[in-house]
Amino acid sequence: MRVVAALLALALAPAASLPAQGGWIPPGTPCDLPPANSKINNAIAALKAAAEKPESRDQQLAQAKRLLTEAIVQDKQDANPAAWYYLGRLGVTTSDVAGADTALARALALAPKCADDIAAYRHDLWGELLNNGLAAWQDGKQDSGLALLRLATRLEPANPKPLAAAAALFASRGNDDSAFAYYRLAAKTAGTDTAFARDKRDAVANAWHLVVRKVQGHPAAQRALRLRTGLDSMQRGIATDSTVLARLVASSRSRKARGTRLAPADQQLFTRDSTARAQAVAQRRAQLAAALGQIAADSSALAAAFAPAIDALSEYVAAYPADPEAEISLATLYAQSGRWARAAAAFDSLAVHAPDLEADALFGPGTRMVEQGLYRAGARALTLGLARNPYRRDALFSLAVAYYQLRDSASLLPVAQRLLGLDPLNRASLKLVAAGWDFSGRRDSTKAYVARADSGLAVEISVPSFVADTAGASLAAAALNLKSTPSSPFHLTVEFVDASGQVVATAPHDVPSLSPRQSHAFELQVGGKRIAGWRYRAS
């Protein structure tokens, strides 16, 4: 979040050059104001002496104030712009914000030609107030710092910077509600003024960061995440226990059909085992139903809890639709609160408004969503990323997992087959293809791929690391002998491809004979531009 660091830069920047710091500066040419009064003329001389003779500064400033006050009150010079102009400059010199503000406002009303000159003095004082406010905060004088920032806002009410500074200071104290209100006020103050376009964007961005940070700590969000990540293990447990129970029941029915019985001791073990399995299935199903019910309830609660953050994000992305972080955060909030269609729409909007977005910007959040059980939203992000780079193995794997969890029979098999085309000697790839065939009702193909994964694959290849940059790519891999006998050596050819599938570089590697369960790690490095992924083949 763009907060305190930027403000510290302001605080450490040199203050504006006030007249007292740089000698006497006469009014600019358009602001030629004849004194027309001896007291005003003498006050100008005193102000000049104060600027040029530091040793008598305080005395001269006091004299200037007395003379100008007498001119206005006693000599009836309240309609003379020179009296108010120099009284305002006196207030700037002495950091009398209220006095300077009032006097300069009167001078401007009486002498509009002095607008630029007066604005410059206001801005000088404004800059001093802003820096002093931030410095006071840094010194632990938080109340004084805020008071100075509020004075700066009064001096330049159309400038959002003091409001944004106050917001950042509140945020640094953990007072997010006040910080959010000040950021919103800063954005409103900036309005459509192009001079403050960057300030407005930063204020709106910081506002949504604050509310998103707040809602992500909501207990329902944490609980739903924990429950979603546990659903897969519950479902696997139900499937395993159900399969074993079905076999036990089938065995019992077969014995009855044949008219045979188990020995009493065996029958006792059989009854105990089948009863335990039935109870385990019932218990897991009850746990699954409870978890799904809690997730549904939490999603409903989160829809209300996330509303302020979603509103702030929606406002931001409407104005700045090509910001990946904001769109992805919005999609995440929608997904966490069970609004899958809106989550997908947020990713679609990002793809449209940021056509040059790197695929990795979608792969990261898509993979995290799949890991968190947000399968539909994660699948959408990964699909859009793979449209930009179809050869990222880990993204294909996560997308296949998402389709498996969604029981998407039409989508799983094609994605799993693409994965297998890149990574053919990997059990996870083979099992996902088997699941794809199973969803399609092709039992023979399912059995064939399950057999290849469970017993047919002699050596498995895994690639835990792949890093590509503008100069080339590096790949860390390992070969593992899955068998109880030594493996045969073989040749591996790894192709490094660009996003269109064209081979940029090739790296060979000879995998030696491996003892049972022995692993062989190796690294490959190649040069070349625009490498997006890899694939290999064995020979």
Foldseek 3Di string as FASTA:
>chain_A
DPFDVVLVVLLPDDADDALLNPAHDDADPLPDFDPVDPLLVQLSVLCRCLSVPVVCNVVSLVSSLVSLVCCVPVVVCLLRLSSLCVQLSSCLVVLVLVRNQVSLVSSCVNRVSRVVVSVVSLVSSLSVLSNVLSVCVVVVNPVSSLVSLVSSCVSPVLQLVSLSNNLSSCVVVVNLVSSLVSLVVSLVSPPPPPVCPVVNLVSLVVNLVSLLVVLCPPPLLVLLLVLLLCLVVLVVLLVVLVVVLVVLVVVVVVCVVVVHDDDPVVVVVSVVSNVVSVVSNVVSVVVNVVSVVSQLVSLCVLVVSCVVSLVSLVVSCVVVVQDLVSLQSNLVSCLSSPNLVVSLVSLVSNCVVHVVDALVSLLVSLLVCLSSNSLSSSLSSLVSSCVQAVAALVSLLSNLSSCLVVLVLVPNQVSLVSNCQFAVQALSSLQSNLSSCVSVVNNVSNVVSNCCSPPVRQKHKDWPDWDADFWWIKTKMKIWGQDQAKDAKWKKKKFFAARVRHGFDIDIDIGHTDHHGDMDIDMDIDTGGRGRHMGMDID
